[in-house]
N, C-alpha and C. Protein backbone atom coordinates (compact mmCIF):
# COMPACT_ATOMS: atom_id res chain seq x y z
N MET A 1 -78.52 47.73 27.90
CA MET A 1 -78.34 46.31 27.64
C MET A 1 -77.66 46.14 26.26
N ILE A 2 -76.55 45.42 26.35
CA ILE A 2 -75.78 45.08 25.11
C ILE A 2 -75.80 43.63 24.83
N LYS A 3 -76.26 43.26 23.71
CA LYS A 3 -76.33 41.85 23.29
C LYS A 3 -74.93 41.37 22.85
N LYS A 4 -74.58 40.14 23.25
CA LYS A 4 -73.29 39.53 22.79
C LYS A 4 -73.63 38.50 21.73
N ARG A 5 -72.86 38.46 20.68
CA ARG A 5 -73.05 37.53 19.63
C ARG A 5 -71.75 36.90 19.21
N ASP A 6 -71.85 35.68 18.65
CA ASP A 6 -70.66 35.02 18.15
C ASP A 6 -70.64 35.22 16.63
N LEU A 7 -69.61 34.69 15.93
CA LEU A 7 -69.46 34.94 14.49
C LEU A 7 -70.63 34.41 13.70
N SER A 8 -71.36 33.45 14.24
CA SER A 8 -72.47 32.89 13.48
C SER A 8 -73.70 33.78 13.58
N GLY A 9 -73.64 34.82 14.49
CA GLY A 9 -74.78 35.75 14.63
C GLY A 9 -75.74 35.39 15.81
N LYS A 10 -75.45 34.29 16.42
CA LYS A 10 -76.31 33.86 17.54
C LYS A 10 -76.01 34.61 18.81
N GLU A 11 -77.06 34.89 19.60
CA GLU A 11 -76.91 35.59 20.88
C GLU A 11 -76.26 34.67 21.85
N THR A 12 -75.22 35.11 22.57
CA THR A 12 -74.58 34.22 23.52
C THR A 12 -74.69 34.83 24.98
N GLY A 13 -75.33 35.96 25.09
CA GLY A 13 -75.47 36.55 26.39
C GLY A 13 -75.77 38.05 26.33
N GLU A 14 -75.78 38.66 27.48
CA GLU A 14 -76.05 40.13 27.56
C GLU A 14 -75.08 40.77 28.57
N ILE A 15 -74.91 42.05 28.28
CA ILE A 15 -74.08 42.85 29.19
C ILE A 15 -74.96 43.99 29.69
N THR A 16 -75.15 44.06 30.98
CA THR A 16 -75.94 45.09 31.59
C THR A 16 -75.06 46.30 31.95
N VAL A 17 -75.49 47.45 31.49
CA VAL A 17 -74.76 48.69 31.80
C VAL A 17 -75.68 49.53 32.63
N ASP A 18 -75.18 50.01 33.74
CA ASP A 18 -75.98 50.85 34.67
C ASP A 18 -76.32 52.20 33.92
N ASP A 19 -77.58 52.60 34.09
CA ASP A 19 -78.00 53.85 33.42
C ASP A 19 -77.22 55.06 33.89
N SER A 20 -76.75 54.97 35.11
CA SER A 20 -75.93 56.14 35.63
C SER A 20 -74.64 56.32 34.85
N LYS A 21 -74.16 55.18 34.28
CA LYS A 21 -72.92 55.29 33.53
C LYS A 21 -73.15 55.74 32.08
N LEU A 22 -74.46 55.90 31.70
CA LEU A 22 -74.73 56.33 30.36
C LEU A 22 -75.35 57.72 30.35
N ALA A 23 -75.30 58.38 31.49
CA ALA A 23 -75.88 59.71 31.58
C ALA A 23 -74.93 60.79 31.08
N VAL A 24 -74.69 60.80 29.77
CA VAL A 24 -73.74 61.74 29.20
C VAL A 24 -74.55 62.84 28.46
N ALA A 25 -74.30 64.05 28.81
CA ALA A 25 -75.03 65.15 28.26
C ALA A 25 -74.22 65.91 27.17
N ALA A 26 -74.83 66.21 26.03
CA ALA A 26 -74.21 67.01 24.99
C ALA A 26 -75.29 67.76 24.23
N SER A 27 -75.15 68.98 24.10
CA SER A 27 -76.18 69.79 23.36
C SER A 27 -76.13 69.51 21.92
N SER A 28 -77.30 69.79 21.27
CA SER A 28 -77.37 69.56 19.79
C SER A 28 -76.45 70.47 19.08
N GLN A 29 -76.11 71.70 19.58
CA GLN A 29 -75.26 72.59 18.97
C GLN A 29 -73.84 72.10 19.04
N MET A 30 -73.50 71.52 20.18
CA MET A 30 -72.14 70.91 20.29
C MET A 30 -71.90 69.81 19.32
N ILE A 31 -72.99 68.95 19.20
CA ILE A 31 -72.85 67.83 18.23
C ILE A 31 -72.69 68.38 16.83
N LYS A 32 -73.49 69.42 16.45
CA LYS A 32 -73.42 69.98 15.13
C LYS A 32 -72.05 70.61 14.88
N ASP A 33 -71.50 71.31 15.84
CA ASP A 33 -70.21 71.98 15.63
C ASP A 33 -69.11 70.98 15.32
N THR A 34 -69.12 69.92 16.13
CA THR A 34 -68.01 68.89 15.93
C THR A 34 -68.18 68.21 14.55
N ILE A 35 -69.40 67.87 14.17
CA ILE A 35 -69.60 67.24 12.89
C ILE A 35 -69.19 68.15 11.72
N VAL A 36 -69.63 69.40 11.81
CA VAL A 36 -69.32 70.35 10.74
C VAL A 36 -67.81 70.54 10.68
N ALA A 37 -67.13 70.63 11.80
CA ALA A 37 -65.68 70.76 11.78
C ALA A 37 -64.99 69.60 11.19
N ILE A 38 -65.44 68.39 11.48
CA ILE A 38 -64.87 67.19 10.89
C ILE A 38 -65.01 67.14 9.38
N ARG A 39 -66.21 67.52 8.93
CA ARG A 39 -66.47 67.53 7.48
C ARG A 39 -65.59 68.61 6.76
N LYS A 40 -65.48 69.75 7.40
CA LYS A 40 -64.67 70.81 6.74
C LYS A 40 -63.28 70.44 6.72
N ASN A 41 -62.70 69.82 7.79
CA ASN A 41 -61.30 69.41 7.87
C ASN A 41 -61.01 68.25 6.87
N ALA A 42 -62.02 67.58 6.41
CA ALA A 42 -61.84 66.46 5.47
C ALA A 42 -61.66 66.95 4.03
N ARG A 43 -61.99 68.27 3.82
CA ARG A 43 -61.81 68.79 2.43
C ARG A 43 -60.34 69.00 2.08
N GLN A 44 -60.03 68.79 0.84
CA GLN A 44 -58.63 68.90 0.38
C GLN A 44 -58.34 70.37 0.00
N TRP A 45 -59.32 71.14 -0.37
CA TRP A 45 -59.21 72.52 -0.80
C TRP A 45 -58.16 72.60 -1.95
N SER A 46 -58.23 71.63 -2.85
CA SER A 46 -57.26 71.57 -3.95
C SER A 46 -57.90 71.95 -5.29
N ALA A 47 -59.19 72.28 -5.34
CA ALA A 47 -59.84 72.68 -6.61
C ALA A 47 -59.10 73.93 -7.16
N ASN A 48 -58.88 73.82 -8.45
CA ASN A 48 -58.15 74.88 -9.10
C ASN A 48 -58.65 75.21 -10.54
N THR A 49 -58.76 76.49 -10.91
CA THR A 49 -59.18 76.86 -12.26
C THR A 49 -58.11 77.88 -12.78
N LYS A 50 -58.07 78.00 -14.03
CA LYS A 50 -57.10 78.94 -14.65
C LYS A 50 -57.79 80.24 -15.04
N GLY A 51 -57.17 81.36 -14.75
CA GLY A 51 -57.65 82.65 -15.16
C GLY A 51 -57.19 82.89 -16.60
N ARG A 52 -57.51 84.09 -17.06
CA ARG A 52 -57.19 84.46 -18.47
C ARG A 52 -55.71 84.64 -18.63
N GLY A 53 -54.97 84.82 -17.61
CA GLY A 53 -53.49 84.99 -17.78
C GLY A 53 -52.78 83.61 -17.65
N GLU A 54 -53.56 82.56 -17.41
CA GLU A 54 -52.90 81.23 -17.18
C GLU A 54 -53.21 80.21 -18.34
N VAL A 55 -54.29 80.47 -19.04
CA VAL A 55 -54.73 79.50 -20.13
C VAL A 55 -53.72 79.61 -21.27
N ASN A 56 -53.63 78.50 -22.03
CA ASN A 56 -52.73 78.48 -23.18
C ASN A 56 -53.40 79.01 -24.41
N LYS A 57 -53.39 80.28 -24.56
CA LYS A 57 -53.99 80.92 -25.71
C LYS A 57 -53.07 82.00 -26.29
N THR A 58 -53.22 82.26 -27.61
CA THR A 58 -52.43 83.31 -28.18
C THR A 58 -52.84 84.69 -27.64
N LYS A 59 -51.88 85.56 -27.61
CA LYS A 59 -52.15 86.98 -27.16
C LYS A 59 -52.56 87.86 -28.30
N LYS A 60 -52.64 87.25 -29.47
CA LYS A 60 -53.00 88.12 -30.63
C LYS A 60 -54.53 88.42 -30.63
N LYS A 61 -54.81 89.64 -31.08
CA LYS A 61 -56.28 89.96 -31.19
C LYS A 61 -56.99 88.99 -32.19
N PRO A 62 -58.18 88.58 -31.84
CA PRO A 62 -58.87 87.62 -32.73
C PRO A 62 -59.31 88.32 -34.09
N HIS A 63 -59.53 89.57 -34.10
CA HIS A 63 -59.82 90.30 -35.31
C HIS A 63 -59.58 91.77 -35.14
N ALA A 64 -59.63 92.49 -36.21
CA ALA A 64 -59.33 93.95 -36.16
C ALA A 64 -60.22 94.68 -35.19
N GLN A 65 -59.68 95.79 -34.63
CA GLN A 65 -60.48 96.53 -33.66
C GLN A 65 -61.71 97.27 -34.30
N LYS A 66 -61.47 97.76 -35.51
CA LYS A 66 -62.47 98.53 -36.23
C LYS A 66 -62.75 98.07 -37.57
N GLY A 67 -63.91 98.48 -38.10
CA GLY A 67 -64.16 98.20 -39.54
C GLY A 67 -64.98 97.01 -39.89
N LEU A 68 -65.24 96.13 -38.86
CA LEU A 68 -65.97 94.86 -39.18
C LEU A 68 -67.38 94.92 -38.63
N GLY A 69 -67.66 95.96 -37.85
CA GLY A 69 -69.01 96.03 -37.27
C GLY A 69 -69.23 95.07 -36.11
N ARG A 70 -68.09 94.52 -35.58
CA ARG A 70 -68.25 93.62 -34.46
C ARG A 70 -67.68 94.25 -33.20
N ALA A 71 -68.02 93.61 -32.06
CA ALA A 71 -67.54 94.10 -30.81
C ALA A 71 -66.05 93.92 -30.73
N ARG A 72 -65.36 94.83 -30.14
CA ARG A 72 -63.92 94.75 -30.04
C ARG A 72 -63.52 93.63 -29.09
N GLN A 73 -62.55 92.92 -29.39
CA GLN A 73 -62.06 91.80 -28.59
C GLN A 73 -60.53 91.93 -28.48
N GLY A 74 -60.01 91.72 -27.30
CA GLY A 74 -58.58 91.95 -27.08
C GLY A 74 -57.77 90.61 -27.05
N SER A 75 -58.48 89.50 -26.70
CA SER A 75 -57.65 88.26 -26.52
C SER A 75 -58.65 87.07 -26.55
N MET A 76 -58.16 85.97 -27.09
CA MET A 76 -58.98 84.72 -27.14
C MET A 76 -58.99 84.03 -25.70
N ALA A 77 -58.22 84.60 -24.81
CA ALA A 77 -58.10 84.03 -23.43
C ALA A 77 -59.24 84.70 -22.58
N ALA A 78 -59.98 85.65 -23.18
CA ALA A 78 -61.13 86.24 -22.37
C ALA A 78 -62.17 85.18 -22.02
N PRO A 79 -62.84 85.35 -20.91
CA PRO A 79 -63.74 84.28 -20.43
C PRO A 79 -64.93 84.04 -21.35
N GLN A 80 -65.34 85.00 -22.24
CA GLN A 80 -66.49 84.75 -23.16
C GLN A 80 -66.11 83.79 -24.27
N PHE A 81 -64.87 83.46 -24.50
CA PHE A 81 -64.50 82.52 -25.55
C PHE A 81 -64.34 81.14 -24.97
N LYS A 82 -64.59 80.13 -25.88
CA LYS A 82 -64.39 78.71 -25.43
C LYS A 82 -62.89 78.50 -25.13
N GLY A 83 -62.64 77.89 -24.01
CA GLY A 83 -61.24 77.65 -23.58
C GLY A 83 -60.65 78.83 -22.91
N GLY A 84 -61.37 79.88 -22.73
CA GLY A 84 -60.89 81.06 -22.10
C GLY A 84 -60.71 80.90 -20.56
N GLY A 85 -60.21 81.91 -19.92
CA GLY A 85 -60.09 81.89 -18.50
C GLY A 85 -61.36 81.87 -17.75
N ILE A 86 -61.34 81.36 -16.49
CA ILE A 86 -62.51 81.26 -15.63
C ILE A 86 -62.56 82.51 -14.73
N VAL A 87 -63.74 83.14 -14.61
CA VAL A 87 -63.88 84.31 -13.78
C VAL A 87 -64.27 83.88 -12.38
N PHE A 88 -63.54 84.36 -11.40
CA PHE A 88 -63.84 84.07 -9.96
C PHE A 88 -63.94 82.54 -9.70
N GLY A 89 -63.15 81.76 -10.37
CA GLY A 89 -63.16 80.25 -10.14
C GLY A 89 -62.43 79.89 -8.86
N PRO A 90 -62.59 78.69 -8.45
CA PRO A 90 -61.95 78.32 -7.18
C PRO A 90 -60.41 78.18 -7.35
N LYS A 91 -59.71 78.47 -6.22
CA LYS A 91 -58.26 78.39 -6.23
C LYS A 91 -57.84 77.57 -4.92
N PRO A 92 -56.78 76.93 -4.95
CA PRO A 92 -56.33 76.16 -3.81
C PRO A 92 -56.24 77.01 -2.52
N LYS A 93 -56.79 76.51 -1.44
CA LYS A 93 -56.72 77.25 -0.18
C LYS A 93 -55.93 76.51 0.85
N PHE A 94 -55.28 77.20 1.72
CA PHE A 94 -54.47 76.56 2.77
C PHE A 94 -54.89 77.16 4.14
N ASP A 95 -54.47 76.41 5.15
CA ASP A 95 -54.76 76.87 6.51
C ASP A 95 -56.26 77.08 6.77
N GLN A 96 -57.03 76.10 6.28
CA GLN A 96 -58.50 76.17 6.44
C GLN A 96 -59.03 75.26 7.56
N HIS A 97 -58.05 74.78 8.43
CA HIS A 97 -58.39 73.88 9.49
C HIS A 97 -59.31 74.51 10.52
N VAL A 98 -60.34 73.78 10.88
CA VAL A 98 -61.30 74.28 11.85
C VAL A 98 -60.95 73.49 13.17
N ARG A 99 -60.61 74.25 14.20
CA ARG A 99 -60.20 73.66 15.47
C ARG A 99 -61.42 73.14 16.27
N ILE A 100 -61.27 71.94 16.80
CA ILE A 100 -62.28 71.32 17.60
C ILE A 100 -61.79 71.24 19.02
N ASN A 101 -62.56 71.79 19.99
CA ASN A 101 -62.22 71.70 21.37
C ASN A 101 -62.12 70.19 21.76
N LYS A 102 -61.01 69.77 22.38
CA LYS A 102 -60.79 68.42 22.68
C LYS A 102 -61.79 67.82 23.65
N LYS A 103 -62.18 68.65 24.65
CA LYS A 103 -63.10 68.19 25.70
C LYS A 103 -64.45 67.99 25.06
N GLU A 104 -64.90 68.95 24.20
CA GLU A 104 -66.17 68.85 23.55
C GLU A 104 -66.21 67.65 22.59
N ARG A 105 -65.10 67.42 21.89
CA ARG A 105 -65.09 66.29 20.96
C ARG A 105 -65.25 65.02 21.69
N ARG A 106 -64.61 64.82 22.83
CA ARG A 106 -64.73 63.60 23.60
C ARG A 106 -66.15 63.46 24.19
N GLN A 107 -66.70 64.61 24.61
CA GLN A 107 -68.05 64.62 25.17
C GLN A 107 -69.10 64.17 24.16
N VAL A 108 -68.98 64.64 22.92
CA VAL A 108 -69.95 64.29 21.87
C VAL A 108 -69.77 62.79 21.57
N VAL A 109 -68.53 62.33 21.47
CA VAL A 109 -68.34 60.87 21.18
C VAL A 109 -68.94 60.04 22.27
N ALA A 110 -68.75 60.45 23.52
CA ALA A 110 -69.31 59.67 24.61
C ALA A 110 -70.82 59.74 24.62
N HIS A 111 -71.36 60.83 24.27
CA HIS A 111 -72.82 60.98 24.26
C HIS A 111 -73.43 60.12 23.14
N LEU A 112 -72.88 60.13 22.00
CA LEU A 112 -73.41 59.31 20.89
C LEU A 112 -73.30 57.79 21.14
N LEU A 113 -72.15 57.44 21.80
CA LEU A 113 -71.94 56.01 22.15
C LEU A 113 -73.05 55.61 23.14
N ALA A 114 -73.21 56.47 24.21
CA ALA A 114 -74.19 56.13 25.25
C ALA A 114 -75.55 56.07 24.68
N THR A 115 -75.92 56.98 23.75
CA THR A 115 -77.25 56.91 23.07
C THR A 115 -77.44 55.66 22.34
N MET A 116 -76.46 55.17 21.58
CA MET A 116 -76.61 53.97 20.86
C MET A 116 -76.77 52.73 21.80
N ILE A 117 -76.07 52.78 22.91
CA ILE A 117 -76.31 51.69 23.89
C ILE A 117 -77.70 51.68 24.52
N LYS A 118 -78.17 52.84 24.90
CA LYS A 118 -79.47 53.02 25.53
C LYS A 118 -80.56 52.61 24.64
N GLU A 119 -80.44 52.88 23.33
CA GLU A 119 -81.47 52.59 22.28
C GLU A 119 -81.35 51.20 21.85
N GLY A 120 -80.45 50.39 22.34
CA GLY A 120 -80.35 48.98 21.96
C GLY A 120 -79.77 48.72 20.58
N ASN A 121 -79.00 49.74 20.09
CA ASN A 121 -78.46 49.58 18.70
C ASN A 121 -76.98 49.20 18.74
N THR A 122 -76.53 48.66 19.86
CA THR A 122 -75.17 48.20 20.09
C THR A 122 -75.13 46.71 20.44
N SER A 123 -74.22 46.04 19.79
CA SER A 123 -73.99 44.58 20.12
C SER A 123 -72.48 44.38 20.12
N VAL A 124 -72.13 43.27 20.80
CA VAL A 124 -70.69 42.83 20.98
C VAL A 124 -70.46 41.61 20.22
N LEU A 125 -69.39 41.61 19.40
CA LEU A 125 -68.92 40.41 18.72
C LEU A 125 -67.77 39.78 19.56
N GLU A 126 -68.05 38.56 20.01
CA GLU A 126 -67.04 37.90 20.83
C GLU A 126 -66.53 36.64 20.15
N GLY A 127 -65.31 36.31 20.45
CA GLY A 127 -64.73 35.05 20.00
C GLY A 127 -64.19 35.08 18.63
N TYR A 128 -64.02 36.24 18.02
CA TYR A 128 -63.48 36.31 16.64
C TYR A 128 -61.95 36.23 16.71
N LYS A 129 -61.48 35.08 16.21
CA LYS A 129 -59.96 34.84 16.25
C LYS A 129 -59.49 34.45 14.85
N GLU A 130 -60.10 34.78 13.80
CA GLU A 130 -59.63 34.34 12.43
C GLU A 130 -58.27 34.96 12.18
N GLU A 131 -57.42 34.13 11.58
CA GLU A 131 -56.07 34.62 11.28
C GLU A 131 -56.00 35.19 9.81
N LYS A 132 -56.90 34.71 8.99
CA LYS A 132 -56.86 35.23 7.62
C LYS A 132 -58.25 35.87 7.31
N PRO A 133 -58.28 36.93 6.51
CA PRO A 133 -59.49 37.64 6.15
C PRO A 133 -60.42 36.68 5.38
N LYS A 134 -61.70 36.68 5.75
CA LYS A 134 -62.77 35.84 5.10
C LYS A 134 -63.96 36.68 5.04
N THR A 135 -64.19 37.32 3.88
CA THR A 135 -65.35 38.19 3.69
C THR A 135 -66.66 37.40 3.77
N LYS A 136 -66.66 36.13 3.38
CA LYS A 136 -67.91 35.34 3.37
C LYS A 136 -68.43 35.11 4.79
N SER A 137 -67.54 34.84 5.75
CA SER A 137 -67.96 34.55 7.09
C SER A 137 -68.38 35.88 7.76
N VAL A 138 -67.77 37.02 7.47
CA VAL A 138 -68.19 38.22 8.00
C VAL A 138 -69.50 38.70 7.46
N ALA A 139 -69.69 38.52 6.16
CA ALA A 139 -70.97 38.87 5.53
C ALA A 139 -72.13 37.99 6.09
N SER A 140 -71.77 36.71 6.39
CA SER A 140 -72.76 35.78 6.97
C SER A 140 -73.10 36.29 8.38
N PHE A 141 -72.16 36.81 9.08
CA PHE A 141 -72.41 37.36 10.44
C PHE A 141 -73.40 38.49 10.35
N PHE A 142 -73.20 39.48 9.45
CA PHE A 142 -74.07 40.61 9.32
C PHE A 142 -75.52 40.14 8.97
N ASN A 143 -75.62 39.16 8.08
CA ASN A 143 -76.95 38.59 7.70
C ASN A 143 -77.60 37.96 8.87
N SER A 144 -76.95 37.15 9.58
CA SER A 144 -77.49 36.34 10.70
C SER A 144 -77.88 37.34 11.85
N ALA A 145 -77.14 38.35 12.05
CA ALA A 145 -77.37 39.28 13.21
C ALA A 145 -78.33 40.36 12.79
N ASP A 146 -78.95 40.24 11.64
CA ASP A 146 -79.88 41.24 11.17
C ASP A 146 -79.26 42.66 10.98
N LEU A 147 -78.05 42.59 10.49
CA LEU A 147 -77.26 43.83 10.30
C LEU A 147 -76.91 44.04 8.81
N ASP A 148 -77.60 43.35 7.93
CA ASP A 148 -77.25 43.43 6.55
C ASP A 148 -77.77 44.72 5.91
N LYS A 149 -78.82 45.30 6.54
CA LYS A 149 -79.40 46.56 5.95
C LYS A 149 -78.94 47.71 6.84
N GLY A 150 -78.78 48.82 6.13
CA GLY A 150 -78.41 50.04 6.94
C GLY A 150 -76.89 50.13 7.15
N ARG A 151 -76.49 51.28 7.66
CA ARG A 151 -75.05 51.54 7.89
C ARG A 151 -74.67 51.10 9.24
N VAL A 152 -73.62 50.24 9.27
CA VAL A 152 -73.10 49.63 10.52
C VAL A 152 -71.70 50.05 10.74
N LEU A 153 -71.39 50.42 11.98
CA LEU A 153 -70.02 50.81 12.33
C LEU A 153 -69.47 49.75 13.25
N VAL A 154 -68.35 49.13 12.85
CA VAL A 154 -67.70 48.11 13.65
C VAL A 154 -66.49 48.73 14.34
N ILE A 155 -66.37 48.49 15.64
CA ILE A 155 -65.27 49.07 16.36
C ILE A 155 -64.38 48.02 16.98
N GLY A 156 -63.11 48.10 16.64
CA GLY A 156 -62.13 47.13 17.10
C GLY A 156 -60.98 47.80 17.83
N LYS A 157 -60.13 47.05 18.41
CA LYS A 157 -58.95 47.64 19.09
C LYS A 157 -57.71 47.66 18.15
N ASN A 158 -57.08 48.77 18.21
CA ASN A 158 -55.89 48.96 17.36
C ASN A 158 -54.80 47.95 17.82
N PRO A 159 -54.25 47.18 16.88
CA PRO A 159 -53.23 46.16 17.28
C PRO A 159 -52.04 46.75 18.04
N LYS A 160 -51.78 48.09 17.80
CA LYS A 160 -50.64 48.73 18.45
C LYS A 160 -50.87 48.80 19.96
N PHE A 161 -52.08 48.78 20.42
CA PHE A 161 -52.34 48.92 21.80
C PHE A 161 -52.85 47.61 22.47
N VAL A 162 -52.76 46.50 21.75
CA VAL A 162 -53.16 45.24 22.31
C VAL A 162 -51.94 44.69 23.11
N GLU A 163 -52.30 44.20 24.29
CA GLU A 163 -51.25 43.68 25.18
C GLU A 163 -50.50 42.44 24.51
N ASN A 164 -51.34 41.57 23.85
CA ASN A 164 -50.83 40.45 23.15
C ASN A 164 -50.60 40.87 21.70
N LYS A 165 -49.37 41.19 21.39
CA LYS A 165 -49.07 41.69 20.06
C LYS A 165 -49.42 40.76 18.90
N VAL A 166 -49.62 39.50 19.28
CA VAL A 166 -49.95 38.47 18.30
C VAL A 166 -51.38 38.64 17.77
N ASP A 167 -52.28 39.26 18.61
CA ASP A 167 -53.65 39.41 18.32
C ASP A 167 -53.88 40.42 17.20
N GLN A 168 -54.21 39.93 16.04
CA GLN A 168 -54.47 40.79 14.87
C GLN A 168 -55.90 40.66 14.37
N SER A 169 -56.82 40.32 15.30
CA SER A 169 -58.17 39.97 14.92
C SER A 169 -58.89 41.20 14.36
N SER A 170 -58.60 42.38 14.96
CA SER A 170 -59.30 43.57 14.52
C SER A 170 -58.90 43.96 13.08
N MET A 171 -57.60 43.86 12.77
CA MET A 171 -57.16 44.08 11.43
C MET A 171 -57.72 43.10 10.41
N THR A 172 -57.78 41.83 10.84
CA THR A 172 -58.32 40.82 9.94
C THR A 172 -59.77 41.03 9.67
N PHE A 173 -60.54 41.46 10.72
CA PHE A 173 -61.94 41.74 10.50
C PHE A 173 -62.14 42.96 9.62
N ALA A 174 -61.35 43.94 9.77
CA ALA A 174 -61.41 45.15 8.92
C ALA A 174 -61.27 44.87 7.50
N VAL A 175 -60.23 44.00 7.16
CA VAL A 175 -59.94 43.65 5.83
C VAL A 175 -61.07 42.79 5.29
N SER A 176 -61.67 41.93 6.11
CA SER A 176 -62.73 41.00 5.66
C SER A 176 -63.98 41.77 5.26
N MET A 177 -64.33 42.92 5.90
CA MET A 177 -65.55 43.62 5.62
C MET A 177 -65.27 44.81 4.66
N ARG A 178 -64.14 44.91 4.11
CA ARG A 178 -63.79 46.05 3.28
C ARG A 178 -64.66 46.21 2.06
N ASN A 179 -65.10 45.08 1.49
CA ASN A 179 -65.92 45.11 0.29
C ASN A 179 -67.42 45.06 0.47
N ILE A 180 -67.81 45.06 1.78
CA ILE A 180 -69.25 44.96 2.08
C ILE A 180 -69.85 46.39 2.18
N PRO A 181 -70.88 46.71 1.35
CA PRO A 181 -71.34 48.08 1.30
C PRO A 181 -71.99 48.48 2.59
N LYS A 182 -71.88 49.79 2.96
CA LYS A 182 -72.51 50.38 4.12
C LYS A 182 -71.98 49.82 5.45
N LYS A 183 -70.84 49.13 5.40
CA LYS A 183 -70.28 48.67 6.63
C LYS A 183 -68.89 49.34 6.78
N HIS A 184 -68.67 49.97 7.92
CA HIS A 184 -67.43 50.74 8.11
C HIS A 184 -66.72 50.26 9.39
N PHE A 185 -65.44 50.31 9.36
CA PHE A 185 -64.60 49.82 10.48
C PHE A 185 -63.75 51.00 10.99
N LEU A 186 -63.68 51.13 12.38
CA LEU A 186 -62.83 52.08 13.00
C LEU A 186 -62.17 51.48 14.25
N TYR A 187 -60.98 51.82 14.49
CA TYR A 187 -60.33 51.39 15.79
C TYR A 187 -60.92 52.30 16.87
N SER A 188 -60.85 51.75 18.08
CA SER A 188 -61.48 52.50 19.17
C SER A 188 -60.77 53.88 19.46
N ASN A 189 -59.55 53.99 19.06
CA ASN A 189 -58.87 55.24 19.30
C ASN A 189 -59.04 56.21 18.10
N GLN A 190 -59.85 55.84 17.12
CA GLN A 190 -60.14 56.64 15.92
C GLN A 190 -61.58 57.15 15.89
N LEU A 191 -62.37 56.87 16.93
CA LEU A 191 -63.82 57.16 16.94
C LEU A 191 -63.94 58.70 16.81
N ASN A 192 -64.96 59.05 15.97
CA ASN A 192 -65.28 60.51 15.81
C ASN A 192 -66.83 60.56 15.73
N SER A 193 -67.28 61.80 16.04
CA SER A 193 -68.74 62.05 16.10
C SER A 193 -69.45 61.89 14.71
N TYR A 194 -68.76 62.16 13.63
CA TYR A 194 -69.45 62.03 12.35
C TYR A 194 -69.78 60.55 12.06
N GLU A 195 -68.80 59.65 12.17
CA GLU A 195 -69.09 58.24 11.92
C GLU A 195 -70.11 57.68 12.88
N LEU A 196 -70.09 58.13 14.11
CA LEU A 196 -71.15 57.65 15.07
C LEU A 196 -72.47 58.16 14.76
N ALA A 197 -72.56 59.43 14.31
CA ALA A 197 -73.85 60.04 13.99
C ALA A 197 -74.52 59.45 12.77
N ILE A 198 -73.80 58.98 11.79
CA ILE A 198 -74.43 58.41 10.59
C ILE A 198 -74.64 56.94 10.70
N ALA A 199 -74.07 56.31 11.69
CA ALA A 199 -74.26 54.86 11.91
C ALA A 199 -75.63 54.52 12.47
N GLN A 200 -76.27 53.49 11.93
CA GLN A 200 -77.57 53.03 12.45
C GLN A 200 -77.43 51.97 13.54
N LYS A 201 -76.33 51.19 13.41
CA LYS A 201 -76.04 50.15 14.36
C LYS A 201 -74.55 50.16 14.66
N ILE A 202 -74.16 49.68 15.84
CA ILE A 202 -72.76 49.58 16.20
C ILE A 202 -72.41 48.15 16.62
N VAL A 203 -71.36 47.64 16.16
CA VAL A 203 -70.83 46.35 16.64
C VAL A 203 -69.47 46.56 17.20
N VAL A 204 -69.35 46.18 18.46
CA VAL A 204 -68.06 46.36 19.18
C VAL A 204 -67.40 45.01 19.35
N MET A 205 -66.19 44.85 18.83
CA MET A 205 -65.47 43.64 19.09
C MET A 205 -65.08 43.52 20.50
N ASP A 206 -65.06 42.30 21.07
CA ASP A 206 -64.86 42.15 22.49
C ASP A 206 -63.54 42.69 22.99
N ASN A 207 -62.54 42.79 22.13
CA ASN A 207 -61.25 43.36 22.52
C ASN A 207 -61.28 44.85 22.67
N ALA A 208 -62.33 45.53 22.18
CA ALA A 208 -62.47 46.97 22.25
C ALA A 208 -63.56 47.40 23.17
N LEU A 209 -64.24 46.52 23.78
CA LEU A 209 -65.44 46.83 24.67
C LEU A 209 -64.95 47.73 25.81
N ASP A 210 -63.88 47.34 26.43
CA ASP A 210 -63.43 48.20 27.64
C ASP A 210 -63.09 49.58 27.19
N ASP A 211 -62.52 49.75 25.98
CA ASP A 211 -62.18 51.10 25.54
C ASP A 211 -63.46 51.90 25.31
N VAL A 212 -64.45 51.30 24.74
CA VAL A 212 -65.73 52.01 24.44
C VAL A 212 -66.41 52.43 25.75
N LEU A 213 -66.50 51.47 26.69
CA LEU A 213 -67.13 51.81 27.99
C LEU A 213 -66.35 52.90 28.73
N LYS A 214 -65.00 52.86 28.60
CA LYS A 214 -64.21 53.82 29.21
C LYS A 214 -64.41 55.23 28.63
N LEU A 215 -64.66 55.33 27.30
CA LEU A 215 -64.92 56.58 26.64
C LEU A 215 -66.25 57.17 27.22
N VAL A 216 -67.19 56.31 27.31
CA VAL A 216 -68.57 56.77 27.84
C VAL A 216 -68.38 57.21 29.30
N GLU A 217 -67.64 56.46 30.07
CA GLU A 217 -67.42 56.83 31.46
C GLU A 217 -66.73 58.19 31.65
N GLN A 218 -65.80 58.45 30.78
CA GLN A 218 -65.06 59.77 30.75
C GLN A 218 -66.07 60.86 30.44
N GLY A 219 -67.07 60.62 29.63
CA GLY A 219 -68.06 61.64 29.24
C GLY A 219 -68.93 61.92 30.42
N VAL A 220 -69.23 60.88 31.26
CA VAL A 220 -70.05 61.11 32.45
C VAL A 220 -69.37 61.98 33.48
N LYS A 221 -68.09 61.75 33.63
CA LYS A 221 -67.25 62.49 34.66
C LYS A 221 -67.04 63.97 34.25
N SER A 222 -66.97 64.23 33.01
CA SER A 222 -66.65 65.58 32.51
C SER A 222 -67.81 66.46 32.64
């Protein structure tokens, strides 16, 4: 059961989804593998430290080798000195991409969507046709719909795939909620298991509902 709401947060109806269309199976290991891969692929691997041969230090010995009763030192670039080189520090890495099986990725996304629907944590926003971003009205919607607390994922349809190219409602809504904490927006073609796993509630814009249900249906068939 999916509740339909308008921009004021009031319930305007319900959408009944057959349980057979939500019977998507995905193992916990499959879910973990896809999430771990997404997080690893998000890393830039750009951390960099300088070794003793790279720091800007003089190559002159800091003091005489003998006669002072001190330990011999060869360079101020040695790691024991302040500003010296770093031992075994991180270096930029490349080709660290973790491959995700396409079928498994879709299966996990479908499973997480189906779970959110079955648990009653999904609602549909209908009738949003604002032409200009208005954070106040979107924040009022979250408060009225009891979505002001916790992490909420809003799913809209990418304007590139809208039949009516004039419809920019998804982009307008995304800009409107940009400054609201713990509220995240994704287009239906950008859904991933990590964002779905950390979301406590899901709001689907009416223009993206068919895409979401289609994703779930594909998971049932596979």
